[in-house]
Amino acid sequence: MQCTNIIPVPTIHPKKLKLRNSNSQLSVTHPQSNFEVQLPLPSHVKFISSTSNPFVKHCHKLRQSSSYRHSHGSVLVVGATPIREICEFQKSLLEKTVMMDCLLLPDNCEIPEWIDDLSVRIVQVSSAVIKKVSGMQSTESIEAMAVMRIPTSFSDINADAKEANCRAWFPSPHRVLVLDGVQDPGNLGTLLRSATAFGWNGAFLLPGCCDPFNEKALRASRGASFQLPIVSGTWNHLESLITEFQIKMLAGHPETDKYSKPFHLSQKLADSLAKLPLSLVLGSEGSGLSEQSRRHCELVTIPMAGEFESLNVSVAGGIFLYMLQPQNHKSL
């Protein structure tokens, strides 16, 4: 499956975006200039029923367009479960990485108990607006939608940047998932969720990967895109990280490749790597690993019975991420 929402390079780093409440509208300062992008949501508005409302159109574009999302530094999150998980994760942090601009609730819906931030802007919307904004035909299960800032834990490194502060990308680089051209948003989102579940420290997205804030990726990640530190960069940037922290590079690869003899994934192999900083590279659904990944990494395969050529990348990735997870997390 191809994804048209490929991460644009360069894009806007969300740390430079500022939000303030004006008397009439939400105003966002564009980080590369002094002008403000006016988001048409007057402060007195508590209910929106029309699908032609400018703010509804803004939310619709946030869902559909990667370039629009990153230029505004905002993401539309659909569903009470991922919104709640993001909020709960933020409560565990000393320094918040995500800010919610606005919470959209169905008409006559009570404010959820898990919303304890009284400063959150809440607007009720009609079922027609929910359908327009969410893009779903059936809206009965949608209890909430939120416009959130792209988290400060996300870094999009300019392709032209020869030097980058790789020490600021991840709190710890002990376990880093590297995705090499993974285009399917469902697979990408599932891999981010698995990496979060198994205690990995972050994800590095090489060129050609789907936007982690794509609507399908968000749905599959269930909020993990806002919890796991994510870096979008080039091979040069990745090599800087690998060199700086002396990270060992493994790559998942089918055993059926006649040109290579991958190691078998096993508990013995995992134990031997437990104390080493490690990156796991997973290739695209169609063409697999790039030539650079093959050249830089030790290839590892999952032993399977029968004559299956390979597993779906998110399934195989889940197995790798579980087997190679940090030892302290594995014992919990």
Protein backbone atom coordinates (compact mmCIF):
# COMPACT_ATOMS: atom_id res chain seq x y z
CA MET A 1 0.00 0.00 0.00
CA GLN A 2 1.37 3.39 -0.97
CA CYS A 3 0.97 6.45 1.18
CA THR A 4 0.86 9.86 -0.45
CA ASN A 5 1.52 11.68 2.82
CA ILE A 6 5.31 11.35 2.72
CA ILE A 7 7.12 13.50 5.26
CA PRO A 8 8.21 16.71 3.54
CA VAL A 9 11.79 17.86 4.03
CA PRO A 10 12.37 20.42 5.26
CA THR A 11 9.41 21.03 7.55
CA ILE A 12 8.78 23.09 10.66
CA HIS A 13 10.09 22.01 14.03
CA PRO A 14 7.25 22.36 16.52
CA LYS A 15 9.38 23.75 19.35
CA LYS A 16 9.45 27.06 17.51
CA LEU A 17 5.69 27.39 17.30
CA LYS A 18 3.82 29.48 19.84
CA LEU A 19 0.12 29.57 20.62
CA ARG A 20 -1.77 32.31 22.36
CA ASN A 21 -5.42 33.07 22.99
CA SER A 22 -6.61 36.34 21.55
CA ASN A 23 -9.96 37.93 22.19
CA SER A 24 -11.34 36.64 18.95
CA GLN A 25 -9.19 33.96 17.38
CA LEU A 26 -6.53 31.38 18.00
CA SER A 27 -3.30 32.84 16.62
CA VAL A 28 -0.24 30.78 15.69
CA THR A 29 3.08 32.47 15.08
CA HIS A 30 4.80 31.03 12.01
CA PRO A 31 8.38 30.15 13.04
CA GLN A 32 10.02 31.21 9.78
CA SER A 33 8.48 34.68 9.65
CA ASN A 34 6.79 37.26 11.82
CA PHE A 35 3.29 36.89 10.45
CA GLU A 36 0.57 34.97 12.24
CA VAL A 37 -1.63 32.26 10.78
CA GLN A 38 -5.15 33.04 11.96
CA LEU A 39 -7.17 30.00 12.88
CA PRO A 40 -10.80 31.07 12.53
CA LEU A 41 -12.20 30.02 15.89
CA PRO A 42 -13.64 33.07 17.71
CA SER A 43 -13.42 32.80 21.47
CA HIS A 44 -17.20 33.06 21.97
CA VAL A 45 -17.93 29.99 19.79
CA LYS A 46 -19.04 26.99 21.86
CA PHE A 47 -20.87 25.02 19.16
CA ILE A 48 -20.28 24.46 15.43
CA SER A 49 -22.95 22.91 13.22
CA SER A 50 -21.86 23.89 9.70
CA THR A 51 -19.34 21.88 7.69
CA SER A 52 -18.41 25.07 5.82
CA ASN A 53 -17.14 26.72 8.99
CA PRO A 54 -13.51 27.90 8.44
CA PHE A 55 -12.27 26.09 11.54
CA VAL A 56 -13.90 22.86 10.35
CA LYS A 57 -12.11 23.27 7.02
CA HIS A 58 -8.87 23.84 8.91
CA CYS A 59 -9.33 20.59 10.88
CA HIS A 60 -10.22 18.76 7.66
CA LYS A 61 -6.95 19.92 6.06
CA LEU A 62 -4.98 18.88 9.13
CA ARG A 63 -6.28 15.35 8.64
CA GLN A 64 -5.71 15.23 4.89
CA SER A 65 -2.45 17.07 4.23
CA SER A 66 0.99 16.33 5.67
CA SER A 67 2.46 19.63 4.48
CA TYR A 68 -0.47 21.54 6.01
CA ARG A 69 -0.01 19.74 9.33
CA HIS A 70 3.68 20.48 9.55
CA SER A 71 3.39 24.08 8.38
CA HIS A 72 0.84 24.73 11.14
CA GLY A 73 2.56 22.50 13.67
CA SER A 74 -0.77 20.87 14.50
CA VAL A 75 -2.38 17.43 14.24
CA LEU A 76 -5.97 16.21 14.33
CA VAL A 77 -6.39 13.24 16.68
CA VAL A 78 -9.64 11.30 16.29
CA GLY A 79 -10.99 9.12 19.09
CA ALA A 80 -11.27 9.37 22.86
CA THR A 81 -8.86 6.46 23.49
CA PRO A 82 -5.74 7.90 21.80
CA ILE A 83 -6.51 11.38 23.19
CA ARG A 84 -6.84 9.95 26.71
CA GLU A 85 -3.62 7.93 26.33
CA ILE A 86 -1.73 11.03 25.19
CA CYS A 87 -3.09 13.04 28.13
CA GLU A 88 -2.27 10.29 30.63
CA PHE A 89 1.27 10.04 29.27
CA GLN A 90 1.73 13.81 29.60
CA LYS A 91 0.82 13.59 33.28
CA SER A 92 3.81 11.32 33.85
CA LEU A 93 6.29 13.82 32.39
CA LEU A 94 8.14 16.53 34.27
CA GLU A 95 8.17 18.65 31.12
CA LYS A 96 5.15 18.50 28.82
CA THR A 97 5.81 17.67 25.19
CA VAL A 98 2.27 18.14 23.82
CA MET A 99 -0.28 20.92 24.04
CA MET A 100 -3.94 20.53 23.14
CA ASP A 101 -5.36 23.51 21.25
CA CYS A 102 -8.97 22.42 21.17
CA LEU A 103 -11.15 19.46 22.14
CA LEU A 104 -14.13 18.76 19.87
CA LEU A 105 -17.03 16.85 21.44
CA PRO A 106 -20.35 15.64 19.98
CA ASP A 107 -23.34 17.85 20.67
CA ASN A 108 -24.81 17.39 24.19
CA CYS A 109 -21.85 15.23 25.22
CA GLU A 110 -20.50 15.62 28.75
CA ILE A 111 -16.91 16.64 29.28
CA PRO A 112 -14.83 13.46 29.82
CA GLU A 113 -13.60 12.86 33.36
CA TRP A 114 -10.00 12.44 32.16
CA ILE A 115 -9.93 16.08 31.00
CA ASP A 116 -8.71 17.83 34.14
CA ASP A 117 -7.02 20.75 32.38
CA LEU A 118 -9.53 23.57 32.72
CA SER A 119 -7.61 25.68 30.20
CA VAL A 120 -8.41 23.33 27.31
CA ARG A 121 -10.70 24.96 24.75
CA ILE A 122 -13.83 22.77 24.34
CA VAL A 123 -16.23 23.11 21.40
CA GLN A 124 -19.25 20.93 20.74
CA VAL A 125 -19.96 19.99 17.13
CA SER A 126 -22.78 18.45 15.12
CA SER A 127 -22.71 14.93 13.70
CA ALA A 128 -22.24 16.42 10.22
CA VAL A 129 -19.11 18.22 11.40
CA ILE A 130 -17.79 15.05 13.06
CA LYS A 131 -18.28 13.19 9.78
CA LYS A 132 -16.55 15.92 7.78
CA VAL A 133 -13.60 16.33 10.13
CA SER A 134 -13.03 12.63 10.94
CA GLY A 135 -13.59 11.35 7.41
CA MET A 136 -15.60 8.42 8.77
CA GLN A 137 -19.01 7.40 7.48
CA SER A 138 -20.16 6.11 10.87
CA THR A 139 -19.59 8.62 13.65
CA GLU A 140 -21.48 6.98 16.50
CA SER A 141 -18.27 5.60 18.05
CA ILE A 142 -16.41 8.92 17.91
CA GLU A 143 -16.57 10.41 21.39
CA ALA A 144 -13.94 13.11 20.92
CA MET A 145 -11.51 14.75 18.50
CA ALA A 146 -8.63 17.03 19.37
CA VAL A 147 -6.37 19.53 17.66
CA MET A 148 -2.95 19.03 19.24
CA ARG A 149 0.46 20.53 18.64
CA ILE A 150 3.07 18.31 17.01
CA PRO A 151 5.01 17.07 20.06
CA THR A 152 8.37 18.59 20.91
CA SER A 153 9.68 15.01 21.02
CA PHE A 154 9.43 15.00 17.20
CA SER A 155 12.41 16.34 15.24
CA ASP A 156 12.49 16.86 11.48
CA ILE A 157 16.12 17.46 10.54
CA ASN A 158 16.71 19.60 7.48
CA ALA A 159 18.25 17.47 4.74
CA ASP A 160 20.80 20.21 4.02
CA ALA A 161 21.99 20.35 7.63
CA LYS A 162 25.50 18.91 7.63
CA GLU A 163 25.72 18.96 11.40
CA ALA A 164 23.01 18.04 13.85
CA ASN A 165 22.87 17.75 17.62
CA CYS A 166 22.13 14.05 17.75
CA ARG A 167 22.54 14.01 21.54
CA ALA A 168 19.30 15.99 21.80
CA TRP A 169 17.19 13.58 19.74
CA PHE A 170 16.59 10.79 22.25
CA PRO A 171 16.75 10.75 26.07
CA SER A 172 18.73 7.53 25.64
CA PRO A 173 19.89 5.86 22.38
CA HIS A 174 20.17 2.36 23.89
CA ARG A 175 17.41 1.00 21.64
CA VAL A 176 16.45 2.85 18.45
CA LEU A 177 14.03 1.61 15.79
CA VAL A 178 15.02 2.72 12.27
CA LEU A 179 12.41 2.62 9.50
CA ASP A 180 13.78 2.56 5.97
CA GLY A 181 11.07 3.73 3.57
CA VAL A 182 8.07 2.23 5.40
CA GLN A 183 5.20 3.81 3.48
CA ASP A 184 2.10 2.06 4.79
CA PRO A 185 0.70 4.25 7.61
CA GLY A 186 -0.90 1.28 9.33
CA ASN A 187 2.41 -0.57 9.48
CA LEU A 188 4.30 2.53 10.61
CA GLY A 189 1.78 3.29 13.35
CA THR A 190 1.78 -0.31 14.57
CA LEU A 191 5.58 -0.37 14.72
CA LEU A 192 5.66 2.86 16.74
CA ARG A 193 3.12 1.42 19.17
CA SER A 194 5.11 -1.81 19.52
CA ALA A 195 8.33 0.13 20.08
CA THR A 196 6.62 2.12 22.82
CA ALA A 197 5.12 -0.99 24.42
CA PHE A 198 8.49 -2.78 24.55
CA GLY A 199 10.45 0.12 26.01
CA TRP A 200 12.45 1.26 22.99
CA ASN A 201 13.94 4.74 23.28
CA GLY A 202 12.91 6.22 19.96
CA ALA A 203 12.36 5.85 16.22
CA PHE A 204 14.39 7.24 13.32
CA LEU A 205 12.53 7.67 10.02
CA LEU A 206 14.66 7.63 6.89
CA PRO A 207 13.47 9.35 3.66
CA GLY A 208 10.39 7.81 2.06
CA CYS A 209 8.64 6.95 5.32
CA CYS A 210 5.02 7.88 5.84
CA ASP A 211 4.22 10.84 8.08
CA PRO A 212 3.79 9.47 11.63
CA PHE A 213 0.93 11.97 12.08
CA ASN A 214 -1.01 10.65 9.09
CA GLU A 215 -4.56 9.79 10.21
CA LYS A 216 -4.15 6.04 9.62
CA ALA A 217 -0.74 6.01 11.32
CA LEU A 218 -2.24 7.82 14.32
CA ARG A 219 -5.09 5.33 14.47
CA ALA A 220 -2.69 2.37 14.40
CA SER A 221 -0.27 3.91 16.91
CA ARG A 222 -3.07 4.72 19.40
CA GLY A 223 -1.18 7.78 20.60
CA ALA A 224 2.35 6.32 20.46
CA SER A 225 3.38 8.99 17.91
CA PHE A 226 3.02 11.50 20.77
CA GLN A 227 4.89 9.35 23.32
CA LEU A 228 7.91 7.93 21.50
CA PRO A 229 10.68 10.36 20.48
CA ILE A 230 10.75 10.38 16.66
CA VAL A 231 13.39 11.81 14.34
CA SER A 232 12.96 12.26 10.59
CA GLY A 233 16.33 12.58 8.87
CA THR A 234 18.78 11.25 6.30
CA TRP A 235 21.39 8.50 6.34
CA ASN A 236 24.04 11.12 7.10
CA HIS A 237 22.16 12.12 10.24
CA LEU A 238 21.68 8.49 11.24
CA GLU A 239 25.38 7.78 10.75
CA SER A 240 26.19 10.70 13.06
CA LEU A 241 23.99 9.13 15.75
CA ILE A 242 25.49 5.66 15.23
CA THR A 243 29.06 7.00 15.39
CA GLU A 244 28.43 9.26 18.38
CA PHE A 245 27.02 6.48 20.56
CA GLN A 246 28.77 3.47 18.99
CA ILE A 247 25.45 1.81 18.20
CA LYS A 248 25.40 -1.68 16.73
CA MET A 249 23.15 -1.92 13.68
CA LEU A 250 20.92 -4.91 12.94
CA ALA A 251 18.41 -5.18 10.11
CA GLY A 252 15.50 -7.56 9.69
CA HIS A 253 15.80 -9.54 6.47
CA PRO A 254 14.20 -12.68 4.93
CA GLU A 255 16.27 -15.85 5.07
CA THR A 256 15.28 -16.66 1.47
CA ASP A 257 17.63 -14.01 0.07
CA LYS A 258 20.18 -16.03 -1.94
CA TYR A 259 22.73 -13.21 -1.80
CA SER A 260 23.06 -13.13 1.98
CA LYS A 261 23.10 -15.44 4.99
CA PRO A 262 21.34 -13.63 7.86
CA PHE A 263 21.78 -14.63 11.50
CA HIS A 264 18.78 -16.31 13.11
CA LEU A 265 16.97 -14.30 15.75
CA SER A 266 17.19 -16.21 19.04
CA GLN A 267 17.21 -15.64 22.78
CA LYS A 268 20.93 -16.37 22.80
CA LEU A 269 21.53 -13.59 20.25
CA ALA A 270 19.28 -11.20 22.17
CA ASP A 271 21.12 -11.93 25.44
CA SER A 272 24.50 -11.30 23.80
CA LEU A 273 23.30 -7.84 22.69
CA ALA A 274 21.53 -6.89 25.92
CA LYS A 275 24.12 -4.39 27.16
CA LEU A 276 25.02 -2.90 23.77
CA PRO A 277 23.40 0.21 22.25
CA LEU A 278 21.40 -1.21 19.37
CA SER A 279 19.43 -0.07 16.35
CA LEU A 280 16.98 -2.23 14.42
CA VAL A 281 16.41 -1.33 10.77
CA LEU A 282 13.23 -2.46 9.03
CA GLY A 283 12.73 -1.98 5.29
CA SER A 284 9.82 -1.00 3.11
CA GLU A 285 6.90 -3.31 2.37
CA GLY A 286 7.62 -3.61 -1.34
CA SER A 287 11.38 -3.42 -1.87
CA GLY A 288 12.70 -4.31 1.57
CA LEU A 289 15.96 -2.87 2.83
CA SER A 290 17.79 -0.21 0.86
CA GLU A 291 21.31 -0.85 -0.37
CA GLN A 292 22.66 1.43 2.37
CA SER A 293 20.90 -0.60 5.07
CA ARG A 294 22.29 -3.85 3.67
CA ARG A 295 25.77 -2.35 3.59
CA HIS A 296 25.74 -0.89 7.11
CA CYS A 297 23.84 -3.54 9.06
CA GLU A 298 24.22 -7.13 10.20
CA LEU A 299 21.24 -9.00 8.77
CA VAL A 300 18.98 -10.99 11.09
CA THR A 301 16.05 -13.20 10.16
CA ILE A 302 13.17 -14.77 12.06
CA PRO A 303 13.32 -18.58 11.69
CA MET A 304 10.02 -19.93 10.40
CA ALA A 305 8.56 -23.34 9.66
CA GLY A 306 7.36 -24.01 6.14
CA GLU A 307 8.28 -22.08 3.03
CA PHE A 308 7.03 -18.61 3.85
CA GLU A 309 9.20 -15.96 2.22
CA SER A 310 8.60 -13.23 4.80
CA LEU A 311 6.21 -11.72 7.32
CA ASN A 312 4.39 -8.41 7.19
CA VAL A 313 6.84 -5.73 8.35
CA SER A 314 4.72 -4.76 11.37
CA VAL A 315 4.37 -8.41 12.44
CA ALA A 316 8.07 -9.15 11.96
CA GLY A 317 8.95 -5.85 13.61
CA GLY A 318 6.86 -6.69 16.64
CA ILE A 319 8.78 -9.95 17.11
CA PHE A 320 12.16 -8.23 16.74
CA LEU A 321 11.17 -5.40 19.09
CA TYR A 322 10.00 -7.85 21.74
CA MET A 323 13.04 -10.12 21.53
CA LEU A 324 15.55 -7.25 21.51
CA GLN A 325 13.84 -5.00 24.04
CA PRO A 326 15.87 -3.47 26.87
CA GLN A 327 16.66 -5.98 29.58
CA ASN A 328 15.32 -3.78 32.40
CA HIS A 329 12.01 -3.38 30.58
CA LYS A 330 11.76 -7.10 29.81
CA SER A 331 11.92 -7.99 33.49
CA LEU A 332 8.94 -5.83 34.42
